[in-house]
Amino acid sequence: MAAKSKYFSNLEEPTQYMLDILVDADALVALVKTNEPNHKRAFSISEDLQKKGCTWYISPFTIGEVVTVISHKVNQATAKEVLKELRKQNLNLLTLKDEYIQLADDWFNKQNKKGTSYFDCYNIALLERYKKQLNAIFSFDGVYKRNGFKMADEII
């Protein structure tokens, strides 16, 4: 993470090694919302990842999901501030090229749980497509673990 932020930790300690982590919207929401049940855990995981030299990646939908949730759960003014802060972070964007977009649809169609998020399935498709690069996903959603993917807190 690049810029200083009141929402995200800013560590300047030397790193141990590099990790490439896909970040889900729920982890970013947990970092922002201090009354979110996973807030302290998210902040601790974030700090540990940064100490290890983590590079954060997001999908094209992550920031939109985060600010929408913040607008609903907090207010629009905070959502605008979070949007500005997230844009300052210069998070790396991972996308699926046209020839791989079917992976997201396939993952969505494999799910049976009510309320399955297509955006989570897009993230799963990213994890599959970039499996040689991405070490884990920073999320609290059970869908990733249920589908065999490593969670960030498992590798720190």
Protein backbone atom coordinates (compact mmCIF):
# COMPACT_ATOMS: atom_id res chain seq x y z
CA MET A 1 0.00 0.00 0.00
CA ALA A 2 1.45 3.29 -1.03
CA ALA A 3 -0.08 6.38 0.52
CA LYS A 4 -0.69 7.21 4.16
CA SER A 5 -4.23 6.57 5.23
CA LYS A 6 -6.33 6.84 8.35
CA TYR A 7 -8.08 3.58 7.40
CA PHE A 8 -5.19 1.36 6.44
CA SER A 9 -2.01 0.70 8.40
CA ASN A 10 1.17 2.39 7.25
CA LEU A 11 4.21 0.32 8.09
CA GLU A 12 7.73 1.34 7.26
CA GLU A 13 9.51 -1.68 8.72
CA PRO A 14 11.73 -3.82 6.49
CA THR A 15 9.92 -6.73 4.90
CA GLN A 16 10.78 -10.44 5.22
CA TYR A 17 9.59 -11.63 1.78
CA MET A 18 7.06 -10.82 -0.88
CA LEU A 19 3.51 -12.12 -0.95
CA ASP A 20 0.89 -11.52 -3.63
CA ILE A 21 -2.56 -11.34 -2.06
CA LEU A 22 -5.95 -10.88 -3.67
CA VAL A 23 -8.04 -8.62 -1.42
CA ASP A 24 -11.79 -9.09 -1.18
CA ALA A 25 -14.15 -6.21 -0.49
CA ASP A 26 -15.18 -7.63 2.90
CA ALA A 27 -11.60 -7.32 4.20
CA LEU A 28 -11.42 -3.67 3.14
CA VAL A 29 -14.82 -2.96 4.70
CA ALA A 30 -13.62 -4.59 7.93
CA LEU A 31 -10.54 -2.33 7.90
CA VAL A 32 -12.68 0.78 7.49
CA LYS A 33 -15.62 0.06 9.79
CA THR A 34 -14.37 0.08 13.36
CA ASN A 35 -17.58 -1.54 14.61
CA GLU A 36 -17.36 -4.38 12.08
CA PRO A 37 -16.96 -7.76 13.86
CA ASN A 38 -13.74 -8.54 11.93
CA HIS A 39 -12.19 -5.05 12.26
CA LYS A 40 -9.43 -5.90 14.76
CA ARG A 41 -8.66 -9.17 13.03
CA ALA A 42 -8.54 -7.44 9.63
CA PHE A 43 -6.18 -4.77 10.92
CA SER A 44 -3.90 -7.39 12.49
CA ILE A 45 -3.82 -9.47 9.29
CA SER A 46 -3.18 -6.32 7.24
CA GLU A 47 -0.22 -5.35 9.42
CA ASP A 48 1.22 -8.89 9.30
CA LEU A 49 0.88 -9.02 5.53
CA GLN A 50 2.58 -5.66 5.11
CA LYS A 51 5.45 -6.72 7.38
CA LYS A 52 5.99 -9.63 5.01
CA GLY A 53 6.12 -7.33 1.99
CA CYS A 54 2.68 -8.07 0.65
CA THR A 55 1.50 -6.74 -2.68
CA TRP A 56 -2.28 -6.28 -2.72
CA TYR A 57 -4.38 -7.01 -5.78
CA ILE A 58 -8.06 -6.31 -6.33
CA SER A 59 -10.64 -7.16 -8.95
CA PRO A 60 -12.29 -4.46 -11.06
CA PHE A 61 -15.33 -4.72 -8.76
CA THR A 62 -13.67 -4.52 -5.34
CA ILE A 63 -13.63 -0.75 -4.79
CA GLY A 64 -17.20 -0.40 -6.06
CA GLU A 65 -18.33 -3.12 -3.65
CA VAL A 66 -16.52 -1.50 -0.72
CA VAL A 67 -17.93 1.98 -1.19
CA THR A 68 -21.43 0.63 -1.81
CA VAL A 69 -21.34 -1.32 1.46
CA ILE A 70 -19.92 1.69 3.33
CA SER A 71 -22.63 3.92 1.87
CA HIS A 72 -25.32 1.48 3.06
CA LYS A 73 -23.83 0.63 6.45
CA VAL A 74 -22.27 3.98 7.41
CA ASN A 75 -23.17 6.91 5.16
CA GLN A 76 -22.45 8.42 1.76
CA ALA A 77 -19.96 10.99 3.06
CA THR A 78 -17.79 8.23 4.56
CA ALA A 79 -18.13 6.19 1.36
CA LYS A 80 -16.80 9.14 -0.66
CA GLU A 81 -13.87 9.54 1.73
CA VAL A 82 -13.08 5.82 1.54
CA LEU A 83 -13.25 5.95 -2.28
CA LYS A 84 -10.71 8.76 -2.28
CA GLU A 85 -8.44 6.88 0.15
CA LEU A 86 -8.64 3.63 -1.83
CA ARG A 87 -7.75 5.42 -5.07
CA LYS A 88 -4.67 6.87 -3.34
CA GLN A 89 -3.50 3.36 -2.44
CA ASN A 90 -2.77 2.50 -6.09
CA LEU A 91 -3.93 -1.07 -5.58
CA ASN A 92 -2.98 -3.43 -8.37
CA LEU A 93 -5.88 -4.43 -10.57
CA LEU A 94 -6.28 -8.02 -11.79
CA THR A 95 -8.82 -8.79 -14.47
CA LEU A 96 -9.93 -11.77 -16.48
CA LYS A 97 -9.37 -11.42 -20.20
CA ASP A 98 -12.35 -12.21 -22.39
CA GLU A 99 -11.18 -15.78 -22.99
CA TYR A 100 -11.20 -16.47 -19.21
CA ILE A 101 -14.39 -14.69 -18.14
CA GLN A 102 -16.27 -18.00 -18.40
CA LEU A 103 -14.28 -19.16 -15.35
CA ALA A 104 -16.28 -16.75 -13.17
CA ASP A 105 -19.55 -18.05 -14.59
CA ASP A 106 -18.40 -21.64 -14.07
CA TRP A 107 -17.50 -20.98 -10.44
CA PHE A 108 -20.83 -19.27 -9.85
CA ASN A 109 -22.67 -22.23 -11.35
CA LYS A 110 -20.77 -24.66 -9.08
CA GLN A 111 -22.06 -22.92 -5.94
CA ASN A 112 -25.21 -24.13 -4.16
CA LYS A 113 -25.41 -21.76 -1.21
CA LYS A 114 -28.15 -19.14 -1.26
CA GLY A 115 -26.83 -15.61 -1.52
CA THR A 116 -23.69 -16.55 -3.45
CA SER A 117 -21.92 -13.44 -4.70
CA TYR A 118 -20.95 -13.38 -8.36
CA PHE A 119 -18.16 -10.99 -7.40
CA ASP A 120 -16.73 -13.62 -5.03
CA CYS A 121 -16.88 -16.11 -7.90
CA TYR A 122 -15.00 -13.62 -10.08
CA ASN A 123 -12.36 -13.50 -7.34
CA ILE A 124 -12.24 -17.31 -7.29
CA ALA A 125 -11.71 -17.24 -11.05
CA LEU A 126 -8.84 -14.79 -10.53
CA LEU A 127 -7.34 -17.08 -7.87
CA GLU A 128 -7.56 -19.99 -10.30
CA ARG A 129 -6.25 -18.08 -13.32
CA TYR A 130 -3.35 -16.49 -11.40
CA LYS A 131 -2.65 -19.45 -9.09
CA LYS A 132 1.09 -19.32 -9.80
CA GLN A 133 1.22 -15.67 -8.69
CA LEU A 134 -1.38 -15.25 -5.95
CA ASN A 135 -0.50 -16.77 -2.58
CA ALA A 136 -3.92 -16.33 -0.93
CA ILE A 137 -6.99 -14.15 -0.56
CA PHE A 138 -7.53 -11.64 2.25
CA SER A 139 -11.18 -12.20 3.09
CA PHE A 140 -13.48 -13.47 5.78
CA ASP A 141 -15.95 -15.05 3.33
CA GLY A 142 -16.18 -18.82 3.70
CA VAL A 143 -16.73 -19.37 -0.02
CA TYR A 144 -13.00 -19.25 -0.73
CA LYS A 145 -11.97 -21.86 1.83
CA ARG A 146 -14.96 -24.08 0.89
CA ASN A 147 -13.63 -24.07 -2.65
CA GLY A 148 -10.06 -24.95 -1.66
CA PHE A 149 -8.31 -21.59 -1.72
CA LYS A 150 -5.85 -20.34 0.90
CA MET A 151 -6.84 -17.51 3.17
CA ALA A 152 -4.33 -14.76 3.99
CA ASP A 153 -4.43 -15.49 7.72
CA GLU A 154 -3.33 -19.07 6.96
CA ILE A 155 -0.01 -18.00 5.44
CA ILE A 156 1.14 -15.31 7.87
